[in-house]
Amino acid sequence: MPSFRAFLNSPVGPKTTHFWGPVANFGFVAAGLADVRKPADMISGRMTAVLCVYSLLCMRFGYMVRPRNYLLMGCHAANETVQLYLLSRWAMGQRKTVKNYSNE
């Protein structure tokens, strides 16, 4: 119980935005996972690329801020993984579309 109390009152515990910000950011991960089931032509390449850059910047911020926020870094690493997968699906879909137009 003392370790839970220490976590509860820590600078990155659930009483701070260092905890609830990353928890809320897991919504991006959930939305990306929901997009995995969509067809590739429904994925926005620009928005996915922006989310990749956003997650990279926030991962760095989570590491550089004091105290280090590993929860923030972890949620953005998960989002980066999902968004890179979606970006690769979008790129493959664009390549197939270009091939179909060239064959006509």
PDB file of N, CA and C in Angstrom:
ATOM      1  N   MET A   1       0.797  -1.205   0.000  1.00  0.00           N
ATOM      2  CA  MET A   1       0.000   0.000   0.000  1.00  0.00           C
ATOM      3  C   MET A   1       0.844   1.276   0.000  1.00  0.00           C
ATOM      4  N   PRO A   2       2.009   1.269   0.653  1.00  0.00           N
ATOM      5  CA  PRO A   2       2.822   2.491   0.630  1.00  0.00           C
ATOM      6  C   PRO A   2       3.299   2.852  -0.788  1.00  0.00           C
ATOM      7  N   SER A   3       3.536   1.837  -1.629  1.00  0.00           N
ATOM      8  CA  SER A   3       3.985   2.148  -2.989  1.00  0.00           C
ATOM      9  C   SER A   3       2.860   2.778  -3.805  1.00  0.00           C
ATOM     10  N   PHE A   4       1.618   2.344  -3.573  1.00  0.00           N
ATOM     11  CA  PHE A   4       0.487   2.960  -4.270  1.00  0.00           C
ATOM     12  C   PHE A   4       0.300   4.398  -3.805  1.00  0.00           C
ATOM     13  N   ARG A   5       0.438   4.629  -2.525  1.00  0.00           N
ATOM     14  CA  ARG A   5       0.314   5.991  -1.982  1.00  0.00           C
ATOM     15  C   ARG A   5       1.425   6.874  -2.542  1.00  0.00           C
ATOM     16  N   ALA A   6       2.619   6.322  -2.680  1.00  0.00           N
ATOM     17  CA  ALA A   6       3.725   7.090  -3.257  1.00  0.00           C
ATOM     18  C   ALA A   6       3.427   7.435  -4.715  1.00  0.00           C
ATOM     19  N   PHE A   7       2.870   6.482  -5.468  1.00  0.00           N
ATOM     20  CA  PHE A   7       2.485   6.760  -6.855  1.00  0.00           C
ATOM     21  C   PHE A   7       1.382   7.809  -6.916  1.00  0.00           C
ATOM     22  N   LEU A   8       0.408   7.692  -6.030  1.00  0.00           N
ATOM     23  CA  LEU A   8      -0.719   8.618  -6.012  1.00  0.00           C
ATOM     24  C   LEU A   8      -0.261  10.056  -5.788  1.00  0.00           C
ATOM     25  N   ASN A   9       0.739  10.240  -4.970  1.00  0.00           N
ATOM     26  CA  ASN A   9       1.225  11.584  -4.636  1.00  0.00           C
ATOM     27  C   ASN A   9       2.477  11.985  -5.404  1.00  0.00           C
ATOM     28  N   SER A  10       2.901  11.179  -6.366  1.00  0.00           N
ATOM     29  CA  SER A  10       4.121  11.497  -7.117  1.00  0.00           C
ATOM     30  C   SER A  10       3.874  12.639  -8.101  1.00  0.00           C
ATOM     31  N   PRO A  11       4.951  13.261  -8.620  1.00  0.00           N
ATOM     32  CA  PRO A  11       4.796  14.361  -9.580  1.00  0.00           C
ATOM     33  C   PRO A  11       4.171  13.947 -10.905  1.00  0.00           C
ATOM     34  N   VAL A  12       4.111  12.649 -11.196  1.00  0.00           N
ATOM     35  CA  VAL A  12       3.469  12.176 -12.427  1.00  0.00           C
ATOM     36  C   VAL A  12       2.291  11.255 -12.120  1.00  0.00           C
ATOM     37  N   GLY A  13       1.773  11.363 -10.928  1.00  0.00           N
ATOM     38  CA  GLY A  13       0.664  10.515 -10.499  1.00  0.00           C
ATOM     39  C   GLY A  13      -0.681  11.003 -11.008  1.00  0.00           C
ATOM     40  N   PRO A  14      -1.747  10.302 -10.633  1.00  0.00           N
ATOM     41  CA  PRO A  14      -3.083  10.610 -11.148  1.00  0.00           C
ATOM     42  C   PRO A  14      -3.682  11.929 -10.654  1.00  0.00           C
ATOM     43  N   LYS A  15      -2.989  12.633  -9.815  1.00  0.00           N
ATOM     44  CA  LYS A  15      -3.465  13.943  -9.376  1.00  0.00           C
ATOM     45  C   LYS A  15      -2.936  15.065 -10.273  1.00  0.00           C
ATOM     46  N   THR A  16      -2.224  14.708 -11.343  1.00  0.00           N
ATOM     47  CA  THR A  16      -1.580  15.719 -12.186  1.00  0.00           C
ATOM     48  C   THR A  16      -1.973  15.546 -13.651  1.00  0.00           C
ATOM     49  N   THR A  17      -1.686  16.571 -14.431  1.00  0.00           N
ATOM     50  CA  THR A  17      -1.915  16.476 -15.875  1.00  0.00           C
ATOM     51  C   THR A  17      -0.871  15.593 -16.537  1.00  0.00           C
ATOM     52  N   HIS A  18       0.241  15.338 -15.855  1.00  0.00           N
ATOM     53  CA  HIS A  18       1.253  14.424 -16.401  1.00  0.00           C
ATOM     54  C   HIS A  18       0.697  13.009 -16.526  1.00  0.00           C
ATOM     55  N   PHE A  19      -0.366  12.725 -15.822  1.00  0.00           N
ATOM     56  CA  PHE A  19      -1.007  11.417 -15.906  1.00  0.00           C
ATOM     57  C   PHE A  19      -2.210  11.451 -16.839  1.00  0.00           C
ATOM     58  N   TRP A  20      -3.115  12.409 -16.652  1.00  0.00           N
ATOM     59  CA  TRP A  20      -4.371  12.419 -17.396  1.00  0.00           C
ATOM     60  C   TRP A  20      -4.208  12.853 -18.847  1.00  0.00           C
ATOM     61  N   GLY A  21      -3.200  13.666 -19.152  1.00  0.00           N
ATOM     62  CA  GLY A  21      -2.946  14.039 -20.548  1.00  0.00           C
ATOM     63  C   GLY A  21      -2.636  12.822 -21.410  1.00  0.00           C
ATOM     64  N   PRO A  22      -1.662  11.998 -21.018  1.00  0.00           N
ATOM     65  CA  PRO A  22      -1.387  10.792 -21.791  1.00  0.00           C
ATOM     66  C   PRO A  22      -2.544   9.805 -21.835  1.00  0.00           C
ATOM     67  N   VAL A  23      -3.273   9.703 -20.738  1.00  0.00           N
ATOM     68  CA  VAL A  23      -4.430   8.792 -20.736  1.00  0.00           C
ATOM     69  C   VAL A  23      -5.434   9.235 -21.792  1.00  0.00           C
ATOM     70  N   ALA A  24      -5.674  10.553 -21.873  1.00  0.00           N
ATOM     71  CA  ALA A  24      -6.591  11.069 -22.891  1.00  0.00           C
ATOM     72  C   ALA A  24      -6.019  10.879 -24.294  1.00  0.00           C
ATOM     73  N   ASN A  25      -4.702  10.972 -24.442  1.00  0.00           N
ATOM     74  CA  ASN A  25      -4.078  10.809 -25.756  1.00  0.00           C
ATOM     75  C   ASN A  25      -4.161   9.372 -26.274  1.00  0.00           C
ATOM     76  N   PHE A  26      -4.464   8.428 -25.405  1.00  0.00           N
ATOM     77  CA  PHE A  26      -4.668   7.064 -25.891  1.00  0.00           C
ATOM     78  C   PHE A  26      -5.918   6.990 -26.778  1.00  0.00           C
ATOM     79  N   GLY A  27      -6.730   8.040 -26.771  1.00  0.00           N
ATOM     80  CA  GLY A  27      -7.861   8.124 -27.700  1.00  0.00           C
ATOM     81  C   GLY A  27      -7.390   8.160 -29.146  1.00  0.00           C
ATOM     82  N   PHE A  28      -6.239   8.800 -29.393  1.00  0.00           N
ATOM     83  CA  PHE A  28      -5.664   8.801 -30.743  1.00  0.00           C
ATOM     84  C   PHE A  28      -5.310   7.377 -31.174  1.00  0.00           C
ATOM     85  N   VAL A  29      -4.779   6.620 -30.253  1.00  0.00           N
ATOM     86  CA  VAL A  29      -4.410   5.232 -30.551  1.00  0.00           C
ATOM     87  C   VAL A  29      -5.665   4.420 -30.854  1.00  0.00           C
ATOM     88  N   ALA A  30      -6.705   4.611 -30.040  1.00  0.00           N
ATOM     89  CA  ALA A  30      -7.963   3.883 -30.261  1.00  0.00           C
ATOM     90  C   ALA A  30      -8.585   4.255 -31.607  1.00  0.00           C
ATOM     91  N   ALA A  31      -8.544   5.543 -31.957  1.00  0.00           N
ATOM     92  CA  ALA A  31      -9.095   5.975 -33.246  1.00  0.00           C
ATOM     93  C   ALA A  31      -8.285   5.391 -34.400  1.00  0.00           C
ATOM     94  N   GLY A  32      -6.963   5.350 -34.253  1.00  0.00           N
ATOM     95  CA  GLY A  32      -6.123   4.753 -35.296  1.00  0.00           C
ATOM     96  C   GLY A  32      -6.388   3.276 -35.463  1.00  0.00           C
ATOM     97  N   LEU A  33      -6.572   2.588 -34.347  1.00  0.00           N
ATOM     98  CA  LEU A  33      -6.882   1.159 -34.429  1.00  0.00           C
ATOM     99  C   LEU A  33      -8.240   0.925 -35.075  1.00  0.00           C
ATOM    100  N   ALA A  34      -9.184   1.835 -34.853  1.00  0.00           N
ATOM    101  CA  ALA A  34     -10.488   1.711 -35.510  1.00  0.00           C
ATOM    102  C   ALA A  34     -10.351   1.937 -37.015  1.00  0.00           C
ATOM    103  N   ASP A  35      -9.414   2.803 -37.420  1.00  0.00           N
ATOM    104  CA  ASP A  35      -9.197   3.073 -38.847  1.00  0.00           C
ATOM    105  C   ASP A  35      -8.521   1.917 -39.581  1.00  0.00           C
ATOM    106  N   VAL A  36      -7.928   0.996 -38.844  1.00  0.00           N
ATOM    107  CA  VAL A  36      -7.251  -0.142 -39.477  1.00  0.00           C
ATOM    108  C   VAL A  36      -8.250  -0.976 -40.277  1.00  0.00           C
ATOM    109  N   ARG A  37      -9.489  -1.005 -39.844  1.00  0.00           N
ATOM    110  CA  ARG A  37     -10.512  -1.803 -40.539  1.00  0.00           C
ATOM    111  C   ARG A  37     -11.087  -1.109 -41.772  1.00  0.00           C
ATOM    112  N   LYS A  38     -10.813   0.180 -41.925  1.00  0.00           N
ATOM    113  CA  LYS A  38     -11.362   0.922 -43.061  1.00  0.00           C
ATOM    114  C   LYS A  38     -10.557   0.633 -44.322  1.00  0.00           C
ATOM    115  N   PRO A  39     -11.177   0.796 -45.482  1.00  0.00           N
ATOM    116  CA  PRO A  39     -10.422   0.632 -46.728  1.00  0.00           C
ATOM    117  C   PRO A  39      -9.350   1.718 -46.857  1.00  0.00           C
ATOM    118  N   ALA A  40      -8.299   1.404 -47.586  1.00  0.00           N
ATOM    119  CA  ALA A  40      -7.163   2.317 -47.703  1.00  0.00           C
ATOM    120  C   ALA A  40      -7.540   3.642 -48.345  1.00  0.00           C
ATOM    121  N   ASP A  41      -8.537   3.653 -49.208  1.00  0.00           N
ATOM    122  CA  ASP A  41      -8.911   4.908 -49.853  1.00  0.00           C
ATOM    123  C   ASP A  41      -9.662   5.848 -48.913  1.00  0.00           C
ATOM    124  N   MET A  42     -10.052   5.374 -47.738  1.00  0.00           N
ATOM    125  CA  MET A  42     -10.718   6.223 -46.748  1.00  0.00           C
ATOM    126  C   MET A  42      -9.724   6.903 -45.805  1.00  0.00           C
ATOM    127  N   ILE A  43      -8.445   6.529 -45.872  1.00  0.00           N
ATOM    128  CA  ILE A  43      -7.421   7.081 -44.993  1.00  0.00           C
ATOM    129  C   ILE A  43      -6.914   8.396 -45.585  1.00  0.00           C
ATOM    130  N   SER A  44      -6.823   9.423 -44.757  1.00  0.00           N
ATOM    131  CA  SER A  44      -6.285  10.706 -45.184  1.00  0.00           C
ATOM    132  C   SER A  44      -4.770  10.687 -45.010  1.00  0.00           C
ATOM    133  N   GLY A  45      -4.056  10.764 -46.112  1.00  0.00           N
ATOM    134  CA  GLY A  45      -2.595  10.742 -46.057  1.00  0.00           C
ATOM    135  C   GLY A  45      -2.023  11.943 -45.328  1.00  0.00           C
ATOM    136  N   ARG A  46      -2.595  13.118 -45.567  1.00  0.00           N
ATOM    137  CA  ARG A  46      -2.095  14.332 -44.909  1.00  0.00           C
ATOM    138  C   ARG A  46      -2.308  14.278 -43.398  1.00  0.00           C
ATOM    139  N   MET A  47      -3.494  13.904 -42.980  1.00  0.00           N
ATOM    140  CA  MET A  47      -3.790  13.859 -41.550  1.00  0.00           C
ATOM    141  C   MET A  47      -2.945  12.801 -40.853  1.00  0.00           C
ATOM    142  N   THR A  48      -2.751  11.675 -41.490  1.00  0.00           N
ATOM    143  CA  THR A  48      -1.936  10.618 -40.901  1.00  0.00           C
ATOM    144  C   THR A  48      -0.485  11.065 -40.782  1.00  0.00           C
ATOM    145  N   ALA A  49       0.022  11.770 -41.791  1.00  0.00           N
ATOM    146  CA  ALA A  49       1.390  12.281 -41.735  1.00  0.00           C
ATOM    147  C   ALA A  49       1.540  13.320 -40.622  1.00  0.00           C
ATOM    148  N   VAL A  50       0.550  14.180 -40.472  1.00  0.00           N
ATOM    149  CA  VAL A  50       0.582  15.186 -39.399  1.00  0.00           C
ATOM    150  C   VAL A  50       0.579  14.499 -38.036  1.00  0.00           C
ATOM    151  N   LEU A  51      -0.224  13.466 -37.871  1.00  0.00           N
ATOM    152  CA  LEU A  51      -0.253  12.746 -36.597  1.00  0.00           C
ATOM    153  C   LEU A  51       1.071  12.041 -36.320  1.00  0.00           C
ATOM    154  N   CYS A  52       1.767  11.594 -37.369  1.00  0.00           N
ATOM    155  CA  CYS A  52       3.098  10.996 -37.187  1.00  0.00           C
ATOM    156  C   CYS A  52       4.083  12.028 -36.648  1.00  0.00           C
ATOM    157  N   VAL A  53       4.089  13.208 -37.253  1.00  0.00           N
ATOM    158  CA  VAL A  53       5.000  14.272 -36.797  1.00  0.00           C
ATOM    159  C   VAL A  53       4.639  14.696 -35.373  1.00  0.00           C
ATOM    160  N   TYR A  54       3.347  14.855 -35.113  1.00  0.00           N
ATOM    161  CA  TYR A  54       2.871  15.240 -33.778  1.00  0.00           C
ATOM    162  C   TYR A  54       3.343  14.235 -32.724  1.00  0.00           C
ATOM    163  N   SER A  55       3.205  12.966 -33.015  1.00  0.00           N
ATOM    164  CA  SER A  55       3.592  11.949 -32.043  1.00  0.00           C
ATOM    165  C   SER A  55       5.100  11.917 -31.830  1.00  0.00           C
ATOM    166  N   LEU A  56       5.868  12.122 -32.895  1.00  0.00           N
ATOM    167  CA  LEU A  56       7.324  12.180 -32.734  1.00  0.00           C
ATOM    168  C   LEU A  56       7.727  13.336 -31.832  1.00  0.00           C
ATOM    169  N   LEU A  57       7.139  14.506 -32.059  1.00  0.00           N
ATOM    170  CA  LEU A  57       7.465  15.664 -31.235  1.00  0.00           C
ATOM    171  C   LEU A  57       7.050  15.454 -29.781  1.00  0.00           C
ATOM    172  N   CYS A  58       5.891  14.876 -29.569  1.00  0.00           N
ATOM    173  CA  CYS A  58       5.417  14.655 -28.201  1.00  0.00           C
ATOM    174  C   CYS A  58       6.199  13.549 -27.496  1.00  0.00           C
ATOM    175  N   MET A  59       6.703  12.577 -28.244  1.00  0.00           N
ATOM    176  CA  MET A  59       7.573  11.565 -27.620  1.00  0.00           C
ATOM    177  C   MET A  59       8.836  12.227 -27.092  1.00  0.00           C
ATOM    178  N   ARG A  60       9.407  13.119 -27.879  1.00  0.00           N
ATOM    179  CA  ARG A  60      10.609  13.833 -27.436  1.00  0.00           C
ATOM    180  C   ARG A  60      10.291  14.691 -26.224  1.00  0.00           C
ATOM    181  N   PHE A  61       9.155  15.390 -26.258  1.00  0.00           N
ATOM    182  CA  PHE A  61       8.763  16.213 -25.124  1.00  0.00           C
ATOM    183  C   PHE A  61       8.593  15.367 -23.862  1.00  0.00           C
ATOM    184  N   GLY A  62       7.938  14.215 -23.987  1.00  0.00           N
ATOM    185  CA  GLY A  62       7.736  13.340 -22.840  1.00  0.00           C
ATOM    186  C   GLY A  62       9.037  12.866 -22.233  1.00  0.00           C
ATOM    187  N   TYR A  63      10.079  12.762 -23.054  1.00  0.00           N
ATOM    188  CA  TYR A  63      11.387  12.342 -22.555  1.00  0.00           C
ATOM    189  C   TYR A  63      12.159  13.513 -21.956  1.00  0.00           C
ATOM    190  N   MET A  64      12.037  14.683 -22.549  1.00  0.00           N
ATOM    191  CA  MET A  64      12.839  15.828 -22.114  1.00  0.00           C
ATOM    192  C   MET A  64      12.257  16.570 -20.912  1.00  0.00           C
ATOM    193  N   VAL A  65      10.942  16.519 -20.706  1.00  0.00           N
ATOM    194  CA  VAL A  65      10.321  17.246 -19.605  1.00  0.00           C
ATOM    195  C   VAL A  65      10.769  16.645 -18.276  1.00  0.00           C
ATOM    196  N   ARG A  66      10.849  17.458 -17.257  1.00  0.00           N
ATOM    197  CA  ARG A  66      11.216  16.975 -15.922  1.00  0.00           C
ATOM    198  C   ARG A  66      10.019  17.078 -15.014  1.00  0.00           C
ATOM    199  N   PRO A  67       9.586  16.091 -14.308  1.00  0.00           N
ATOM    200  CA  PRO A  67      10.094  14.731 -14.339  1.00  0.00           C
ATOM    201  C   PRO A  67       9.718  14.051 -15.649  1.00  0.00           C
ATOM    202  N   ARG A  68      10.550  13.102 -16.068  1.00  0.00           N
ATOM    203  CA  ARG A  68      10.303  12.403 -17.335  1.00  0.00           C
ATOM    204  C   ARG A  68       8.935  11.736 -17.298  1.00  0.00           C
ATOM    205  N   ASN A  69       8.219  11.909 -18.391  1.00  0.00           N
ATOM    206  CA  ASN A  69       6.859  11.372 -18.459  1.00  0.00           C
ATOM    207  C   ASN A  69       6.853  10.178 -19.412  1.00  0.00           C
ATOM    208  N   TYR A  70       7.134   9.015 -18.867  1.00  0.00           N
ATOM    209  CA  TYR A  70       7.208   7.808 -19.688  1.00  0.00           C
ATOM    210  C   TYR A  70       5.832   7.377 -20.193  1.00  0.00           C
ATOM    211  N   LEU A  71       4.780   7.735 -19.468  1.00  0.00           N
ATOM    212  CA  LEU A  71       3.428   7.419 -19.932  1.00  0.00           C
ATOM    213  C   LEU A  71       3.103   8.201 -21.201  1.00  0.00           C
ATOM    214  N   LEU A  72       3.470   9.484 -21.226  1.00  0.00           N
ATOM    215  CA  LEU A  72       3.266  10.299 -22.428  1.00  0.00           C
ATOM    216  C   LEU A  72       4.092   9.757 -23.591  1.00  0.00           C
ATOM    217  N   MET A  73       5.335   9.413 -23.308  1.00  0.00           N
ATOM    218  CA  MET A  73       6.200   8.866 -24.349  1.00  0.00           C
ATOM    219  C   MET A  73       5.643   7.539 -24.873  1.00  0.00           C
ATOM    220  N   GLY A  74       5.133   6.714 -24.000  1.00  0.00           N
ATOM    221  CA  GLY A  74       4.595   5.416 -24.400  1.00  0.00           C
ATOM    222  C   GLY A  74       3.322   5.541 -25.228  1.00  0.00           C
ATOM    223  N   CYS A  75       2.442   6.461 -24.847  1.00  0.00           N
ATOM    224  CA  CYS A  75       1.192   6.583 -25.605  1.00  0.00           C
ATOM    225  C   CYS A  75       1.482   7.140 -26.991  1.00  0.00           C
ATOM    226  N   HIS A  76       2.450   8.048 -27.113  1.00  0.00           N
ATOM    227  CA  HIS A  76       2.777   8.575 -28.435  1.00  0.00           C
ATOM    228  C   HIS A  76       3.598   7.580 -29.264  1.00  0.00           C
ATOM    229  N   ALA A  77       4.354   6.710 -28.611  1.00  0.00           N
ATOM    230  CA  ALA A  77       5.036   5.645 -29.348  1.00  0.00           C
ATOM    231  C   ALA A  77       4.007   4.676 -29.928  1.00  0.00           C
ATOM    232  N   ALA A  78       2.976   4.371 -29.151  1.00  0.00           N
ATOM    233  CA  ALA A  78       1.902   3.507 -29.661  1.00  0.00           C
ATOM    234  C   ALA A  78       1.171   4.187 -30.810  1.00  0.00           C
ATOM    235  N   ASN A  79       0.901   5.486 -30.677  1.00  0.00           N
ATOM    236  CA  ASN A  79       0.230   6.210 -31.740  1.00  0.00           C
ATOM    237  C   ASN A  79       1.104   6.288 -32.982  1.00  0.00           C
ATOM    238  N   GLU A  80       2.398   6.501 -32.798  1.00  0.00           N
ATOM    239  CA  GLU A  80       3.323   6.560 -33.941  1.00  0.00           C
ATOM    240  C   GLU A  80       3.305   5.238 -34.704  1.00  0.00           C
ATOM    241  N   THR A  81       3.290   4.139 -33.982  1.00  0.00           N
ATOM    242  CA  THR A  81       3.252   2.818 -34.609  1.00  0.00           C
ATOM    243  C   THR A  81       1.988   2.635 -35.438  1.00  0.00           C
ATOM    244  N   VAL A  82       0.846   2.979 -34.858  1.00  0.00           N
ATOM    245  CA  VAL A  82      -0.432   2.831 -35.561  1.00  0.00           C
ATOM    246  C   VAL A  82      -0.485   3.756 -36.776  1.00  0.00           C
ATOM    247  N   GLN A  83      -0.056   5.003 -36.610  1.00  0.00           N
ATOM    248  CA  GLN A  83      -0.131   5.962 -37.709  1.00  0.00           C
ATOM    249  C   GLN A  83       0.829   5.606 -38.845  1.00  0.00           C
ATOM    250  N   LEU A  84       2.008   5.078 -38.518  1.00  0.00           N
ATOM    251  CA  LEU A  84       2.924   4.643 -39.583  1.00  0.00           C
ATOM    252  C   LEU A  84       2.332   3.473 -40.359  1.00  0.00           C
ATOM    253  N   TYR A  85       1.648   2.574 -39.668  1.00  0.00           N
ATOM    254  CA  TYR A  85       0.986   1.475 -40.359  1.00  0.00           C
ATOM    255  C   TYR A  85      -0.100   2.006 -41.292  1.00  0.00           C
ATOM    256  N   LEU A  86      -0.910   2.951 -40.790  1.00  0.00           N
ATOM    257  CA  LEU A  86      -1.957   3.533 -41.628  1.00  0.00           C
ATOM    258  C   LEU A  86      -1.367   4.294 -42.808  1.00  0.00           C
ATOM    259  N   LEU A  87      -0.253   4.991 -42.585  1.00  0.00           N
ATOM    260  CA  LEU A  87       0.395   5.725 -43.670  1.00  0.00           C
ATOM    261  C   LEU A  87       0.914   4.763 -44.737  1.00  0.00           C
ATOM    262  N   SER A  88       1.430   3.616 -44.312  1.00  0.00           N
ATOM    263  CA  SER A  88       1.893   2.630 -45.291  1.00  0.00           C
ATOM    264  C   SER A  88       0.725   2.043 -46.079  1.00  0.00           C
ATOM    265  N   ARG A  89      -0.414   1.823 -45.403  1.00  0.00           N
ATOM    266  CA  ARG A  89      -1.608   1.344 -46.116  1.00  0.00           C
ATOM    267  C   ARG A  89      -2.094   2.379 -47.117  1.00  0.00           C
ATOM    268  N   TRP A  90      -2.089   3.645 -46.725  1.00  0.00           N
ATOM    269  CA  TRP A  90      -2.507   4.714 -47.623  1.00  0.00           C
ATOM    270  C   TRP A  90      -1.580   4.778 -48.845  1.00  0.00           C
ATOM    271  N   ALA A  91      -0.262   4.676 -48.613  1.00  0.00           N
ATOM    272  CA  ALA A  91       0.700   4.731 -49.714  1.00  0.00           C
ATOM    273  C   ALA A  91       0.517   3.545 -50.666  1.00  0.00           C
ATOM    274  N   MET A  92       0.281   2.371 -50.130  1.00  0.00           N
ATOM    275  CA  MET A  92       0.036   1.192 -50.972  1.00  0.00           C
ATOM    276  C   MET A  92      -1.236   1.375 -51.787  1.00  0.00           C
ATOM    277  N   GLY A  93      -2.258   1.958 -51.172  1.00  0.00           N
ATOM    278  CA  GLY A  93      -3.501   2.218 -51.887  1.00  0.00           C
ATOM    279  C   GLY A  93      -3.308   3.235 -53.000  1.00  0.00           C
ATOM    280  N   GLN A  94      -2.477   4.244 -52.763  1.00  0.00           N
ATOM    281  CA  GLN A  94      -2.188   5.235 -53.799  1.00  0.00           C
ATOM    282  C   GLN A  94      -1.430   4.605 -54.961  1.00  0.00           C
ATOM    283  N   ARG A  95      -0.516   3.706 -54.647  1.00  0.00           N
ATOM    284  CA  ARG A  95       0.257   3.040 -55.698  1.00  0.00           C
ATOM    285  C   ARG A  95      -0.648   2.167 -56.555  1.00  0.00           C
ATOM    286  N   LYS A  96      -1.586   1.464 -55.923  1.00  0.00           N
ATOM    287  CA  LYS A  96      -2.511   0.627 -56.686  1.00  0.00           C
ATOM    288  C   LYS A  96      -3.406   1.477 -57.567  1.00  0.00           C
ATOM    289  N   THR A  97      -3.816   2.643 -57.054  1.00  0.00           N
ATOM    290  CA  THR A  97      -4.664   3.540 -57.834  1.00  0.00           C
ATOM    291  C   THR A  97      -3.912   4.044 -59.058  1.00  0.00           C
ATOM    292  N   VAL A  98      -2.641   4.400 -58.898  1.00  0.00           N
ATOM    293  CA  VAL A  98      -1.826   4.888 -60.018  1.00  0.00           C
ATOM    294  C   VAL A  98      -1.636   3.775 -61.048  1.00  0.00           C
ATOM    295  N   LYS A  99      -1.408   2.551 -60.598  1.00  0.00           N
ATOM    296  CA  LYS A  99      -1.242   1.423 -61.525  1.00  0.00           C
ATOM    297  C   LYS A  99      -2.526   1.174 -62.304  1.00  0.00           C
ATOM    298  N   ASN A 100      -3.676   1.284 -61.637  1.00  0.00           N
ATOM    299  CA  ASN A 100      -4.953   1.072 -62.324  1.00  0.00           C
ATOM    300  C   ASN A 100      -5.189   2.119 -63.396  1.00  0.00           C
ATOM    301  N   TYR A 101      -4.812   3.374 -63.132  1.00  0.00           N
ATOM    302  CA  TYR A 101      -4.980   4.418 -64.121  1.00  0.00           C
ATOM    303  C   TYR A 101      -4.032   4.235 -65.301  1.00  0.00           C
ATOM    304  N   SER A 102      -2.842   3.741 -65.042  1.00  0.00           N
ATOM    305  CA  SER A 102      -1.876   3.566 -66.125  1.00  0.00           C
ATOM    306  C   SER A 102      -2.225   2.361 -67.023  1.00  0.00           C
ATOM    307  N   ASN A 103      -2.978   1.398 -66.481  1.00  0.00           N
ATOM    308  CA  ASN A 103      -3.355   0.232 -67.274  1.00  0.00           C
ATOM    309  C   ASN A 103      -4.543   0.488 -68.185  1.00  0.00           C
ATOM    310  N   GLU A 104      -5.265   1.566 -67.946  1.00  0.00           N
ATOM    311  CA  GLU A 104      -6.463   1.847 -68.745  1.00  0.00           C
ATOM    312  C   GLU A 104      -6.121   2.459 -70.085  1.00  0.00           C
TER     313      GLU A 104
END
